[in-house]
Amino acid sequence: DPKQIIEIRNLIKNLGRNHTIILSSHILSEVQAVCERVIIINSGK
């Protein structure tokens, strides 16, 4: 749910201080809020 998403998002941000993270998601607002860089693939490319 939205509250849980925000909690997990904040946790990932916190973990990013000490870890390299690859995050896969369909929620683009989440990616934009959390990630510094984006890779997009389509049809395997």
Full PDB file with SEQRES, HELIX, SHEET, SSBOND, CRYST1, ORIGX, SCALE, CONECT and MASTER records, all heavy atoms in Angstrom:
SEQRES   1 A   45  ASP PRO LYS GLN ILE ILE GLU ILE ARG ASN LEU ILE LYS          
SEQRES   2 A   45  ASN LEU GLY ARG ASN HIS THR ILE ILE LEU SER SER HIS          
SEQRES   3 A   45  ILE LEU SER GLU VAL GLN ALA VAL CYS GLU ARG VAL ILE          
SEQRES   4 A   45  ILE ILE ASN SER GLY LYS                                      
HELIX    1 AA1 PRO A    2  LEU A   15  1                                  14    
HELIX    2 AA2 LEU A   28  VAL A   34  1                                   7    
CRYST1    1.000    1.000    1.000  90.00  90.00  90.00 P 1           1          
ORIGX1      1.000000  0.000000  0.000000        0.00000                         
ORIGX2      0.000000  1.000000  0.000000        0.00000                         
ORIGX3      0.000000  0.000000  1.000000        0.00000                         
SCALE1      1.000000  0.000000  0.000000        0.00000                         
SCALE2      0.000000  1.000000  0.000000        0.00000                         
SCALE3      0.000000  0.000000  1.000000        0.00000                         
ATOM      1  N   ASP A   1       0.850  -1.190   0.000  1.00  0.00           N  
ATOM      2  CA  ASP A   1       0.000   0.000   0.000  1.00  0.00           C  
ATOM      3  C   ASP A   1       0.892   1.248   0.000  1.00  0.00           C  
ATOM      4  O   ASP A   1       2.107   1.155   0.195  1.00  0.00           O  
ATOM      5  CB  ASP A   1      -0.956  -0.012   1.201  1.00  0.00           C  
ATOM      6  CG  ASP A   1      -0.251   0.059   2.548  1.00  0.00           C  
ATOM      7  OD1 ASP A   1       0.763   0.763   2.655  1.00  0.00           O  
ATOM      8  OD2 ASP A   1      -0.723  -0.598   3.500  1.00  0.00           O  
ATOM      9  N   PRO A   2       0.312   2.434  -0.248  1.00  0.00           N  
ATOM     10  CA  PRO A   2       1.133   3.654  -0.367  1.00  0.00           C  
ATOM     11  C   PRO A   2       2.034   3.914   0.834  1.00  0.00           C  
ATOM     12  O   PRO A   2       3.183   4.334   0.666  1.00  0.00           O  
ATOM     13  CB  PRO A   2       0.086   4.758  -0.531  1.00  0.00           C  
ATOM     14  CG  PRO A   2      -1.074   4.072  -1.181  1.00  0.00           C  
ATOM     15  CD  PRO A   2      -1.097   2.694  -0.599  1.00  0.00           C  
ATOM     16  N   LYS A   3       1.543   3.675   2.045  1.00  0.00           N  
ATOM     17  CA  LYS A   3       2.364   3.905   3.236  1.00  0.00           C  
ATOM     18  C   LYS A   3       3.553   2.947   3.271  1.00  0.00           C  
ATOM     19  O   LYS A   3       4.683   3.345   3.569  1.00  0.00           O  
ATOM     20  CB  LYS A   3       1.522   3.729   4.496  1.00  0.00           C  
ATOM     21  CG  LYS A   3       2.271   3.981   5.802  1.00  0.00           C  
ATOM     22  CD  LYS A   3       1.328   3.895   6.987  1.00  0.00           C  
ATOM     23  CE  LYS A   3       2.049   4.169   8.305  1.00  0.00           C  
ATOM     24  NZ  LYS A   3       3.029   3.118   8.622  1.00  0.00           N  
ATOM     25  N   GLN A   4       3.300   1.678   2.931  1.00  0.00           N  
ATOM     26  CA  GLN A   4       4.377   0.687   2.920  1.00  0.00           C  
ATOM     27  C   GLN A   4       5.398   1.002   1.836  1.00  0.00           C  
ATOM     28  O   GLN A   4       6.606   0.804   2.027  1.00  0.00           O  
ATOM     29  CB  GLN A   4       3.792  -0.710   2.714  1.00  0.00           C  
ATOM     30  CG  GLN A   4       2.959  -1.196   3.885  1.00  0.00           C  
ATOM     31  CD  GLN A   4       2.184  -2.457   3.562  1.00  0.00           C  
ATOM     32  OE1 GLN A   4       1.867  -2.734   2.400  1.00  0.00           O  
ATOM     33  NE2 GLN A   4       1.871  -3.245   4.583  1.00  0.00           N  
ATOM     34  N   ILE A   5       4.922   1.490   0.687  1.00  0.00           N  
ATOM     35  CA  ILE A   5       5.838   1.854  -0.407  1.00  0.00           C  
ATOM     36  C   ILE A   5       6.797   2.949   0.049  1.00  0.00           C  
ATOM     37  O   ILE A   5       8.004   2.881  -0.198  1.00  0.00           O  
ATOM     38  CB  ILE A   5       5.037   2.307  -1.649  1.00  0.00           C  
ATOM     39  CG1 ILE A   5       4.350   1.100  -2.306  1.00  0.00           C  
ATOM     40  CG2 ILE A   5       5.957   3.002  -2.659  1.00  0.00           C  
ATOM     41  CD1 ILE A   5       3.443   1.471  -3.453  1.00  0.00           C  
ATOM     42  N   ILE A   6       6.267   3.957   0.736  1.00  0.00           N  
ATOM     43  CA  ILE A   6       7.114   5.049   1.217  1.00  0.00           C  
ATOM     44  C   ILE A   6       8.126   4.527   2.220  1.00  0.00           C  
ATOM     45  O   ILE A   6       9.305   4.912   2.203  1.00  0.00           O  
ATOM     46  CB  ILE A   6       6.241   6.158   1.840  1.00  0.00           C  
ATOM     47  CG1 ILE A   6       5.416   6.844   0.748  1.00  0.00           C  
ATOM     48  CG2 ILE A   6       7.109   7.189   2.562  1.00  0.00           C  
ATOM     49  CD1 ILE A   6       4.391   7.832   1.272  1.00  0.00           C  
ATOM     50  N   GLU A   7       7.705   3.616   3.101  1.00  0.00           N  
ATOM     51  CA  GLU A   7       8.611   3.059   4.101  1.00  0.00           C  
ATOM     52  C   GLU A   7       9.754   2.280   3.443  1.00  0.00           C  
ATOM     53  O   GLU A   7      10.921   2.433   3.811  1.00  0.00           O  
ATOM     54  CB  GLU A   7       7.831   2.154   5.058  1.00  0.00           C  
ATOM     55  CG  GLU A   7       6.871   2.919   5.976  1.00  0.00           C  
ATOM     56  CD  GLU A   7       5.989   1.987   6.788  1.00  0.00           C  
ATOM     57  OE1 GLU A   7       5.963   0.772   6.457  1.00  0.00           O  
ATOM     58  OE2 GLU A   7       5.327   2.458   7.730  1.00  0.00           O  
ATOM     59  N   ILE A   8       9.413   1.421   2.452  1.00  0.00           N  
ATOM     60  CA  ILE A   8      10.443   0.635   1.761  1.00  0.00           C  
ATOM     61  C   ILE A   8      11.345   1.552   0.938  1.00  0.00           C  
ATOM     62  O   ILE A   8      12.567   1.366   0.870  1.00  0.00           O  
ATOM     63  CB  ILE A   8       9.808  -0.447   0.871  1.00  0.00           C  
ATOM     64  CG1 ILE A   8       9.023  -1.460   1.720  1.00  0.00           C  
ATOM     65  CG2 ILE A   8      10.870  -1.157   0.044  1.00  0.00           C  
ATOM     66  CD1 ILE A   8       9.882  -2.248   2.691  1.00  0.00           C  
ATOM     67  N   ARG A   9      10.755   2.571   0.333  1.00  0.00           N  
ATOM     68  CA  ARG A   9      11.544   3.539  -0.444  1.00  0.00           C  
ATOM     69  C   ARG A   9      12.573   4.231   0.444  1.00  0.00           C  
ATOM     70  O   ARG A   9      13.748   4.367   0.069  1.00  0.00           O  
ATOM     71  CB  ARG A   9      10.603   4.568  -1.071  1.00  0.00           C  
ATOM     72  CG  ARG A   9      11.288   5.638  -1.893  1.00  0.00           C  
ATOM     73  CD  ARG A   9      10.305   6.709  -2.306  1.00  0.00           C  
ATOM     74  NE  ARG A   9       9.254   6.184  -3.158  1.00  0.00           N  
ATOM     75  CZ  ARG A   9       8.161   6.876  -3.496  1.00  0.00           C  
ATOM     76  NH1 ARG A   9       7.998   8.112  -3.045  1.00  0.00           N  
ATOM     77  NH2 ARG A   9       7.261   6.342  -4.280  1.00  0.00           N  
ATOM     78  N   ASN A  10      12.148   4.647   1.623  1.00  0.00           N  
ATOM     79  CA  ASN A  10      13.083   5.303   2.548  1.00  0.00           C  
ATOM     80  C   ASN A  10      14.162   4.334   3.010  1.00  0.00           C  
ATOM     81  O   ASN A  10      15.323   4.725   3.190  1.00  0.00           O  
ATOM     82  CB  ASN A  10      12.323   5.865   3.746  1.00  0.00           C  
ATOM     83  CG  ASN A  10      11.448   7.055   3.390  1.00  0.00           C  
ATOM     84  OD1 ASN A  10      11.716   7.746   2.398  1.00  0.00           O  
ATOM     85  ND2 ASN A  10      10.405   7.293   4.156  1.00  0.00           N  
ATOM     86  N   LEU A  11      13.779   3.070   3.203  1.00  0.00           N  
ATOM     87  CA  LEU A  11      14.759   2.053   3.603  1.00  0.00           C  
ATOM     88  C   LEU A  11      15.816   1.879   2.512  1.00  0.00           C  
ATOM     89  O   LEU A  11      17.019   1.799   2.797  1.00  0.00           O  
ATOM     90  CB  LEU A  11      14.052   0.733   3.874  1.00  0.00           C  
ATOM     91  CG  LEU A  11      14.954  -0.487   4.136  1.00  0.00           C  
ATOM     92  CD1 LEU A  11      15.859  -0.240   5.330  1.00  0.00           C  
ATOM     93  CD2 LEU A  11      14.104  -1.735   4.354  1.00  0.00           C  
ATOM     94  N   ILE A  12      15.384   1.835   1.251  1.00  0.00           N  
ATOM     95  CA  ILE A  12      16.323   1.663   0.136  1.00  0.00           C  
ATOM     96  C   ILE A  12      17.269   2.859   0.054  1.00  0.00           C  
ATOM     97  O   ILE A  12      18.474   2.707  -0.171  1.00  0.00           O  
ATOM     98  CB  ILE A  12      15.551   1.466  -1.184  1.00  0.00           C  
ATOM     99  CG1 ILE A  12      14.798   0.126  -1.163  1.00  0.00           C  
ATOM    100  CG2 ILE A  12      16.500   1.509  -2.380  1.00  0.00           C  
ATOM    101  CD1 ILE A  12      13.829  -0.054  -2.311  1.00  0.00           C  
ATOM    102  N   LYS A  13      16.738   4.067   0.232  1.00  0.00           N  
ATOM    103  CA  LYS A  13      17.595   5.256   0.233  1.00  0.00           C  
ATOM    104  C   LYS A  13      18.651   5.157   1.322  1.00  0.00           C  
ATOM    105  O   LYS A  13      19.824   5.491   1.112  1.00  0.00           O  
ATOM    106  CB  LYS A  13      16.745   6.512   0.452  1.00  0.00           C  
ATOM    107  CG  LYS A  13      15.989   7.006  -0.758  1.00  0.00           C  
ATOM    108  CD  LYS A  13      15.271   8.294  -0.411  1.00  0.00           C  
ATOM    109  CE  LYS A  13      14.540   8.863  -1.607  1.00  0.00           C  
ATOM    110  NZ  LYS A  13      13.828  10.127  -1.262  1.00  0.00           N  
ATOM    111  N   ASN A  14      18.229   4.699   2.495  1.00  0.00           N  
ATOM    112  CA  ASN A  14      19.154   4.560   3.617  1.00  0.00           C  
ATOM    113  C   ASN A  14      20.226   3.517   3.310  1.00  0.00           C  
ATOM    114  O   ASN A  14      21.415   3.722   3.577  1.00  0.00           O  
ATOM    115  CB  ASN A  14      18.371   4.175   4.873  1.00  0.00           C  
ATOM    116  CG  ASN A  14      19.211   4.233   6.130  1.00  0.00           C  
ATOM    117  OD1 ASN A  14      20.176   4.984   6.207  1.00  0.00           O  
ATOM    118  ND2 ASN A  14      18.859   3.432   7.115  1.00  0.00           N  
ATOM    119  N   LEU A  15      19.817   2.395   2.711  1.00  0.00           N  
ATOM    120  CA  LEU A  15      20.768   1.342   2.365  1.00  0.00           C  
ATOM    121  C   LEU A  15      21.746   1.816   1.293  1.00  0.00           C  
ATOM    122  O   LEU A  15      22.893   1.356   1.236  1.00  0.00           O  
ATOM    123  CB  LEU A  15      20.018   0.101   1.868  1.00  0.00           C  
ATOM    124  CG  LEU A  15      19.169  -0.644   2.901  1.00  0.00           C  
ATOM    125  CD1 LEU A  15      18.357  -1.752   2.222  1.00  0.00           C  
ATOM    126  CD2 LEU A  15      20.043  -1.232   3.995  1.00  0.00           C  
ATOM    127  N   GLY A  16      21.308   2.729   0.443  1.00  0.00           N  
ATOM    128  CA  GLY A  16      22.157   3.225  -0.630  1.00  0.00           C  
ATOM    129  C   GLY A  16      23.372   3.986  -0.149  1.00  0.00           C  
ATOM    130  O   GLY A  16      24.305   4.222  -0.925  1.00  0.00           O  
ATOM    131  N   ARG A  17      23.399   4.367   1.116  1.00  0.00           N  
ATOM    132  CA  ARG A  17      24.567   5.073   1.651  1.00  0.00           C  
ATOM    133  C   ARG A  17      25.779   4.152   1.762  1.00  0.00           C  
ATOM    134  O   ARG A  17      26.918   4.614   1.706  1.00  0.00           O  
ATOM    135  CB  ARG A  17      24.244   5.646   3.033  1.00  0.00           C  
ATOM    136  CG  ARG A  17      23.118   6.676   3.031  1.00  0.00           C  
ATOM    137  CD  ARG A  17      22.725   7.033   4.448  1.00  0.00           C  
ATOM    138  NE  ARG A  17      21.571   7.933   4.468  1.00  0.00           N  
ATOM    139  CZ  ARG A  17      20.911   8.263   5.570  1.00  0.00           C  
ATOM    140  NH1 ARG A  17      21.309   7.785   6.738  1.00  0.00           N  
ATOM    141  NH2 ARG A  17      19.872   9.074   5.503  1.00  0.00           N  
ATOM    142  N   ASN A  18      25.523   2.860   1.942  1.00  0.00           N  
ATOM    143  CA  ASN A  18      26.622   1.917   2.157  1.00  0.00           C  
ATOM    144  C   ASN A  18      26.646   0.752   1.176  1.00  0.00           C  
ATOM    145  O   ASN A  18      27.467  -0.150   1.317  1.00  0.00           O  
ATOM    146  CB  ASN A  18      26.531   1.349   3.586  1.00  0.00           C  
ATOM    147  CG  ASN A  18      26.624   2.431   4.647  1.00  0.00           C  
ATOM    148  OD1 ASN A  18      27.560   3.222   4.651  1.00  0.00           O  
ATOM    149  ND2 ASN A  18      25.641   2.484   5.526  1.00  0.00           N  
ATOM    150  N   HIS A  19      25.723   0.742   0.203  1.00  0.00           N  
ATOM    151  CA  HIS A  19      25.636  -0.377  -0.726  1.00  0.00           C  
ATOM    152  C   HIS A  19      25.449   0.132  -2.155  1.00  0.00           C  
ATOM    153  O   HIS A  19      24.909   1.221  -2.382  1.00  0.00           O  
ATOM    154  CB  HIS A  19      24.454  -1.283  -0.381  1.00  0.00           C  
ATOM    155  CG  HIS A  19      24.518  -1.902   0.978  1.00  0.00           C  
ATOM    156  ND1 HIS A  19      25.103  -3.124   1.224  1.00  0.00           N  
ATOM    157  CD2 HIS A  19      24.084  -1.452   2.187  1.00  0.00           C  
ATOM    158  CE1 HIS A  19      25.012  -3.402   2.516  1.00  0.00           C  
ATOM    159  NE2 HIS A  19      24.407  -2.403   3.119  1.00  0.00           N  
ATOM    160  N   THR A  20      25.877  -0.686  -3.101  1.00  0.00           N  
ATOM    161  CA  THR A  20      25.522  -0.481  -4.503  1.00  0.00           C  
ATOM    162  C   THR A  20      24.214  -1.231  -4.734  1.00  0.00           C  
ATOM    163  O   THR A  20      24.102  -2.415  -4.397  1.00  0.00           O  
ATOM    164  CB  THR A  20      26.606  -1.040  -5.436  1.00  0.00           C  
ATOM    165  OG1 THR A  20      27.839  -0.363  -5.166  1.00  0.00           O  
ATOM    166  CG2 THR A  20      26.224  -0.857  -6.902  1.00  0.00           C  
ATOM    167  N   ILE A  21      23.213  -0.565  -5.303  1.00  0.00           N  
ATOM    168  CA  ILE A  21      21.880  -1.161  -5.413  1.00  0.00           C  
ATOM    169  C   ILE A  21      21.392  -1.127  -6.859  1.00  0.00           C  
ATOM    170  O   ILE A  21      21.483  -0.100  -7.528  1.00  0.00           O  
ATOM    171  CB  ILE A  21      20.867  -0.427  -4.515  1.00  0.00           C  
ATOM    172  CG1 ILE A  21      21.299  -0.520  -3.043  1.00  0.00           C  
ATOM    173  CG2 ILE A  21      19.462  -0.995  -4.690  1.00  0.00           C  
ATOM    174  CD1 ILE A  21      20.410   0.256  -2.089  1.00  0.00           C  
ATOM    175  N   ILE A  22      20.889  -2.276  -7.324  1.00  0.00           N  
ATOM    176  CA  ILE A  22      20.157  -2.331  -8.589  1.00  0.00           C  
ATOM    177  C   ILE A  22      18.700  -2.587  -8.223  1.00  0.00           C  
ATOM    178  O   ILE A  22      18.369  -3.588  -7.582  1.00  0.00           O  
ATOM    179  CB  ILE A  22      20.673  -3.430  -9.520  1.00  0.00           C  
ATOM    180  CG1 ILE A  22      22.124  -3.164  -9.911  1.00  0.00           C  
ATOM    181  CG2 ILE A  22      19.801  -3.521 -10.774  1.00  0.00           C  
ATOM    182  CD1 ILE A  22      22.700  -4.211 -10.862  1.00  0.00           C  
ATOM    183  N   LEU A  23      17.831  -1.680  -8.630  1.00  0.00           N  
ATOM    184  CA  LEU A  23      16.421  -1.735  -8.272  1.00  0.00           C  
ATOM    185  C   LEU A  23      15.569  -1.871  -9.527  1.00  0.00           C  
ATOM    186  O   LEU A  23      15.604  -1.017 -10.407  1.00  0.00           O  
ATOM    187  CB  LEU A  23      16.027  -0.457  -7.513  1.00  0.00           C  
ATOM    188  CG  LEU A  23      14.547  -0.188  -7.285  1.00  0.00           C  
ATOM    189  CD1 LEU A  23      13.959  -1.232  -6.338  1.00  0.00           C  
ATOM    190  CD2 LEU A  23      14.340   1.210  -6.736  1.00  0.00           C  
ATOM    191  N   SER A  24      14.815  -2.953  -9.611  1.00  0.00           N  
ATOM    192  CA  SER A  24      13.878  -3.140 -10.720  1.00  0.00           C  
ATOM    193  C   SER A  24      12.488  -2.800 -10.231  1.00  0.00           C  
ATOM    194  O   SER A  24      12.080  -3.243  -9.149  1.00  0.00           O  
ATOM    195  CB  SER A  24      13.919  -4.591 -11.211  1.00  0.00           C  
ATOM    196  OG  SER A  24      12.876  -4.836 -12.141  1.00  0.00           O  
ATOM    197  N   SER A  25      11.755  -2.003 -10.999  1.00  0.00           N  
ATOM    198  CA  SER A  25      10.412  -1.618 -10.571  1.00  0.00           C  
ATOM    199  C   SER A  25       9.582  -1.177 -11.765  1.00  0.00           C  
ATOM    200  O   SER A  25      10.105  -0.663 -12.754  1.00  0.00           O  
ATOM    201  CB  SER A  25      10.481  -0.487  -9.548  1.00  0.00           C  
ATOM    202  OG  SER A  25       9.193  -0.076  -9.164  1.00  0.00           O  
ATOM    203  N   HIS A  26       8.247  -1.374 -11.643  1.00  0.00           N  
ATOM    204  CA  HIS A  26       7.317  -0.841 -12.637  1.00  0.00           C  
ATOM    205  C   HIS A  26       6.811   0.539 -12.230  1.00  0.00           C  
ATOM    206  O   HIS A  26       6.143   1.212 -13.010  1.00  0.00           O  
ATOM    207  CB  HIS A  26       6.109  -1.780 -12.787  1.00  0.00           C  
ATOM    208  CG  HIS A  26       6.406  -3.022 -13.565  1.00  0.00           C  
ATOM    209  ND1 HIS A  26       6.694  -4.219 -12.963  1.00  0.00           N  
ATOM    210  CD2 HIS A  26       6.468  -3.247 -14.895  1.00  0.00           C  
ATOM    211  CE1 HIS A  26       6.907  -5.139 -13.888  1.00  0.00           C  
ATOM    212  NE2 HIS A  26       6.786  -4.569 -15.065  1.00  0.00           N  
ATOM    213  N   ILE A  27       7.101   0.943 -10.995  1.00  0.00           N  
ATOM    214  CA  ILE A  27       6.597   2.213 -10.473  1.00  0.00           C  
ATOM    215  C   ILE A  27       7.625   3.301 -10.763  1.00  0.00           C  
ATOM    216  O   ILE A  27       8.635   3.430 -10.072  1.00  0.00           O  
ATOM    217  CB  ILE A  27       6.315   2.112  -8.962  1.00  0.00           C  
ATOM    218  CG1 ILE A  27       5.374   0.943  -8.679  1.00  0.00           C  
ATOM    219  CG2 ILE A  27       5.709   3.411  -8.449  1.00  0.00           C  
ATOM    220  CD1 ILE A  27       5.161   0.654  -7.209  1.00  0.00           C  
ATOM    221  N   LEU A  28       7.368   4.070 -11.821  1.00  0.00           N  
ATOM    222  CA  LEU A  28       8.368   5.022 -12.287  1.00  0.00           C  
ATOM    223  C   LEU A  28       8.601   6.157 -11.289  1.00  0.00           C  
ATOM    224  O   LEU A  28       9.718   6.661 -11.183  1.00  0.00           O  
ATOM    225  CB  LEU A  28       7.956   5.580 -13.646  1.00  0.00           C  
ATOM    226  CG  LEU A  28       7.786   4.530 -14.759  1.00  0.00           C  
ATOM    227  CD1 LEU A  28       7.524   5.208 -16.086  1.00  0.00           C  
ATOM    228  CD2 LEU A  28       9.009   3.649 -14.860  1.00  0.00           C  
ATOM    229  N   SER A  29       7.553   6.557 -10.568  1.00  0.00           N  
ATOM    230  CA  SER A  29       7.739   7.606  -9.563  1.00  0.00           C  
ATOM    231  C   SER A  29       8.686   7.134  -8.470  1.00  0.00           C  
ATOM    232  O   SER A  29       9.463   7.924  -7.916  1.00  0.00           O  
ATOM    233  CB  SER A  29       6.389   7.999  -8.959  1.00  0.00           C  
ATOM    234  OG  SER A  29       5.758   6.870  -8.348  1.00  0.00           O  
ATOM    235  N   GLU A  30       8.629   5.848  -8.152  1.00  0.00           N  
ATOM    236  CA  GLU A  30       9.530   5.276  -7.152  1.00  0.00           C  
ATOM    237  C   GLU A  30      10.977   5.330  -7.632  1.00  0.00           C  
ATOM    238  O   GLU A  30      11.883   5.718  -6.893  1.00  0.00           O  
ATOM    239  CB  GLU A  30       9.109   3.833  -6.885  1.00  0.00           C  
ATOM    240  CG  GLU A  30      10.032   3.047  -5.998  1.00  0.00           C  
ATOM    241  CD  GLU A  30       9.558   1.613  -5.861  1.00  0.00           C  
ATOM    242  OE1 GLU A  30       8.435   1.411  -5.396  1.00  0.00           O  
ATOM    243  OE2 GLU A  30      10.310   0.711  -6.254  1.00  0.00           O  
ATOM    244  N   VAL A  31      11.188   4.946  -8.895  1.00  0.00           N  
ATOM    245  CA  VAL A  31      12.536   4.980  -9.470  1.00  0.00           C  
ATOM    246  C   VAL A  31      13.066   6.403  -9.492  1.00  0.00           C  
ATOM    247  O   VAL A  31      14.217   6.665  -9.144  1.00  0.00           O  
ATOM    248  CB  VAL A  31      12.523   4.374 -10.884  1.00  0.00           C  
ATOM    249  CG1 VAL A  31      13.858   4.586 -11.576  1.00  0.00           C  
ATOM    250  CG2 VAL A  31      12.188   2.893 -10.815  1.00  0.00           C  
ATOM    251  N   GLN A  32      12.220   7.344  -9.892  1.00  0.00           N  
ATOM    252  CA  GLN A  32      12.652   8.735  -9.975  1.00  0.00           C  
ATOM    253  C   GLN A  32      12.998   9.291  -8.593  1.00  0.00           C  
ATOM    254  O   GLN A  32      13.907  10.120  -8.456  1.00  0.00           O  
ATOM    255  CB  GLN A  32      11.540   9.580 -10.613  1.00  0.00           C  
ATOM    256  CG  GLN A  32      12.021  10.924 -11.129  1.00  0.00           C  
ATOM    257  CD  GLN A  32      11.194  11.408 -12.294  1.00  0.00           C  
ATOM    258  OE1 GLN A  32      10.082  10.930 -12.540  1.00  0.00           O  
ATOM    259  NE2 GLN A  32      11.703  12.373 -13.032  1.00  0.00           N  
ATOM    260  N   ALA A  33      12.287   8.816  -7.569  1.00  0.00           N  
ATOM    261  CA  ALA A  33      12.518   9.316  -6.212  1.00  0.00           C  
ATOM    262  C   ALA A  33      13.757   8.707  -5.570  1.00  0.00           C  
ATOM    263  O   ALA A  33      14.402   9.347  -4.738  1.00  0.00           O  
ATOM    264  CB  ALA A  33      11.297   9.030  -5.343  1.00  0.00           C  
ATOM    265  N   VAL A  34      14.107   7.474  -5.946  1.00  0.00           N  
ATOM    266  CA  VAL A  34      15.155   6.739  -5.237  1.00  0.00           C  
ATOM    267  C   VAL A  34      16.467   6.674  -6.016  1.00  0.00           C  
ATOM    268  O   VAL A  34      17.547   6.779  -5.435  1.00  0.00           O  
ATOM    269  CB  VAL A  34      14.670   5.306  -4.912  1.00  0.00           C  
ATOM    270  CG1 VAL A  34      15.787   4.462  -4.334  1.00  0.00           C  
ATOM    271  CG2 VAL A  34      13.490   5.360  -3.952  1.00  0.00           C  
ATOM    272  N   CYS A  35      16.382   6.501  -7.333  1.00  0.00           N  
ATOM    273  CA  CYS A  35      17.566   6.139  -8.121  1.00  0.00           C  
ATOM    274  C   CYS A  35      18.301   7.350  -8.678  1.00  0.00           C  
ATOM    275  O   CYS A  35      17.692   8.357  -9.042  1.00  0.00           O  
ATOM    276  CB  CYS A  35      17.159   5.217  -9.274  1.00  0.00           C  
ATOM    277  SG  CYS A  35      16.384   3.682  -8.707  1.00  0.00           S  
ATOM    278  N   GLU A  36      19.621   7.214  -8.768  1.00  0.00           N  
ATOM    279  CA  GLU A  36      20.469   8.262  -9.333  1.00  0.00           C  
ATOM    280  C   GLU A  36      20.635   8.081 -10.842  1.00  0.00           C  
ATOM    281  O   GLU A  36      20.947   9.038 -11.548  1.00  0.00           O  
ATOM    282  CB  GLU A  36      21.850   8.208  -8.676  1.00  0.00           C  
ATOM    283  CG  GLU A  36      21.814   8.274  -7.152  1.00  0.00           C  
ATOM    284  CD  GLU A  36      23.052   7.672  -6.522  1.00  0.00           C  
ATOM    285  OE1 GLU A  36      24.048   7.500  -7.247  1.00  0.00           O  
ATOM    286  OE2 GLU A  36      23.023   7.382  -5.320  1.00  0.00           O  
ATOM    287  N   ARG A  37      20.437   6.881 -11.308  1.00  0.00           N  
ATOM    288  CA  ARG A  37      20.677   6.555 -12.707  1.00  0.00           C  
ATOM    289  C   ARG A  37      19.636   5.530 -13.158  1.00  0.00           C  
ATOM    290  O   ARG A  37      19.148   4.732 -12.354  1.00  0.00           O  
ATOM    291  CB  ARG A  37      22.086   5.979 -12.855  1.00  0.00           C  
ATOM    292  CG  ARG A  37      22.468   5.505 -14.257  1.00  0.00           C  
ATOM    293  CD  ARG A  37      23.874   4.924 -14.226  1.00  0.00           C  
ATOM    294  NE  ARG A  37      24.173   4.114 -15.384  1.00  0.00           N  
ATOM    295  CZ  ARG A  37      25.087   3.159 -15.409  1.00  0.00           C  
ATOM    296  NH1 ARG A  37      25.793   2.889 -14.322  1.00  0.00           N  
ATOM    297  NH2 ARG A  37      25.310   2.457 -16.509  1.00  0.00           N  
ATOM    298  N   VAL A  38      19.284   5.573 -14.443  1.00  0.00           N  
ATOM    299  CA  VAL A  38      18.262   4.682 -14.981  1.00  0.00           C  
ATOM    300  C   VAL A  38      18.781   3.981 -16.228  1.00  0.00           C  
ATOM    301  O   VAL A  38      19.422   4.598 -17.079  1.00  0.00           O  
ATOM    302  CB  VAL A  38      16.979   5.468 -15.344  1.00  0.00           C  
ATOM    303  CG1 VAL A  38      15.982   4.570 -16.068  1.00  0.00           C  
ATOM    304  CG2 VAL A  38      16.336   6.035 -14.098  1.00  0.00           C  
ATOM    305  N   ILE A  39      18.522   2.678 -16.295  1.00  0.00           N  
ATOM    306  CA  ILE A  39      18.742   1.904 -17.514  1.00  0.00           C  
ATOM    307  C   ILE A  39      17.384   1.372 -17.958  1.00  0.00           C  
ATOM    308  O   ILE A  39      16.611   0.863 -17.142  1.00  0.00           O  
ATOM    309  CB  ILE A  39      19.727   0.744 -17.272  1.00  0.00           C  
ATOM    310  CG1 ILE A  39      21.165   1.264 -17.217  1.00  0.00           C  
ATOM    311  CG2 ILE A  39      19.612  -0.316 -18.363  1.00  0.00           C  
ATOM    312  CD1 ILE A  39      22.194   0.190 -16.929  1.00  0.00           C  
ATOM    313  N   ILE A  40      17.081   1.508 -19.236  1.00  0.00           N  
ATOM    314  CA  ILE A  40      15.814   0.999 -19.774  1.00  0.00           C  
ATOM    315  C   ILE A  40      16.133  -0.036 -20.846  1.00  0.00           C  
ATOM    316  O   ILE A  40      16.932   0.220 -21.744  1.00  0.00           O  
ATOM    317  CB  ILE A  40      14.965   2.133 -20.384  1.00  0.00           C  
ATOM    318  CG1 ILE A  40      14.660   3.200 -19.325  1.00  0.00           C  
ATOM    319  CG2 ILE A  40      13.658   1.571 -20.949  1.00  0.00           C  
ATOM    320  CD1 ILE A  40      13.891   4.392 -19.862  1.00  0.00           C  
ATOM    321  N   ILE A  41      15.506  -1.216 -20.716  1.00  0.00           N  
ATOM    322  CA  ILE A  41      15.656  -2.222 -21.755  1.00  0.00           C  
ATOM    323  C   ILE A  41      14.284  -2.526 -22.348  1.00  0.00           C  
ATOM    324  O   ILE A  41      13.251  -2.405 -21.688  1.00  0.00           O  
ATOM    325  CB  ILE A  41      16.325  -3.522 -21.245  1.00  0.00           C  
ATOM    326  CG1 ILE A  41      15.438  -4.249 -20.241  1.00  0.00           C  
ATOM    327  CG2 ILE A  41      17.676  -3.228 -20.651  1.00  0.00           C  
ATOM    328  CD1 ILE A  41      15.966  -5.636 -19.902  1.00  0.00           C  
ATOM    329  N   ASN A  42      14.287  -2.907 -23.609  1.00  0.00           N  
ATOM    330  CA  ASN A  42      13.055  -3.244 -24.314  1.00  0.00           C  
ATOM    331  C   ASN A  42      13.348  -4.362 -25.294  1.00  0.00           C  
ATOM    332  O   ASN A  42      14.326  -4.298 -26.043  1.00  0.00           O  
ATOM    333  CB  ASN A  42      12.504  -2.022 -25.060  1.00  0.00           C  
ATOM    334  CG  ASN A  42      11.137  -2.282 -25.651  1.00  0.00           C  
ATOM    335  OD1 ASN A  42      10.301  -2.928 -25.029  1.00  0.00           O  
ATOM    336  ND2 ASN A  42      10.899  -1.788 -26.860  1.00  0.00           N  
ATOM    337  N   SER A  43      12.546  -5.416 -25.246  1.00  0.00           N  
ATOM    338  CA  SER A  43      12.733  -6.575 -26.123  1.00  0.00           C  
ATOM    339  C   SER A  43      14.151  -7.122 -26.032  1.00  0.00           C  
ATOM    340  O   SER A  43      14.756  -7.501 -27.035  1.00  0.00           O  
ATOM    341  CB  SER A  43      12.403  -6.204 -27.577  1.00  0.00           C  
ATOM    342  OG  SER A  43      11.066  -5.767 -27.686  1.00  0.00           O  
ATOM    343  N   GLY A  44      14.701  -7.125 -24.821  1.00  0.00           N  
ATOM    344  CA  GLY A  44      16.015  -7.704 -24.603  1.00  0.00           C  
ATOM    345  C   GLY A  44      17.189  -6.812 -24.951  1.00  0.00           C  
ATOM    346  O   GLY A  44      18.337  -7.236 -24.826  1.00  0.00           O  
ATOM    347  N   LYS A  45      16.927  -5.566 -25.375  1.00  0.00           N  
ATOM    348  CA  LYS A  45      18.008  -4.651 -25.753  1.00  0.00           C  
ATOM    349  C   LYS A  45      18.016  -3.416 -24.865  1.00  0.00           C  
ATOM    350  O   LYS A  45      16.968  -2.921 -24.453  1.00  0.00           O  
ATOM    351  CB  LYS A  45      17.859  -4.211 -27.210  1.00  0.00           C  
ATOM    352  CG  LYS A  45      18.053  -5.331 -28.222  1.00  0.00           C  
ATOM    353  CD  LYS A  45      17.977  -4.786 -29.632  1.00  0.00           C  
ATOM    354  CE  LYS A  45      18.239  -5.890 -30.666  1.00  0.00           C  
ATOM    355  NZ  LYS A  45      18.217  -5.356 -32.051  1.00  0.00           N  
TER     356      LYS A  45                                                      
MASTER        0    0    0    2    0    0    0    6  355    1    0    4          
END                                                                             
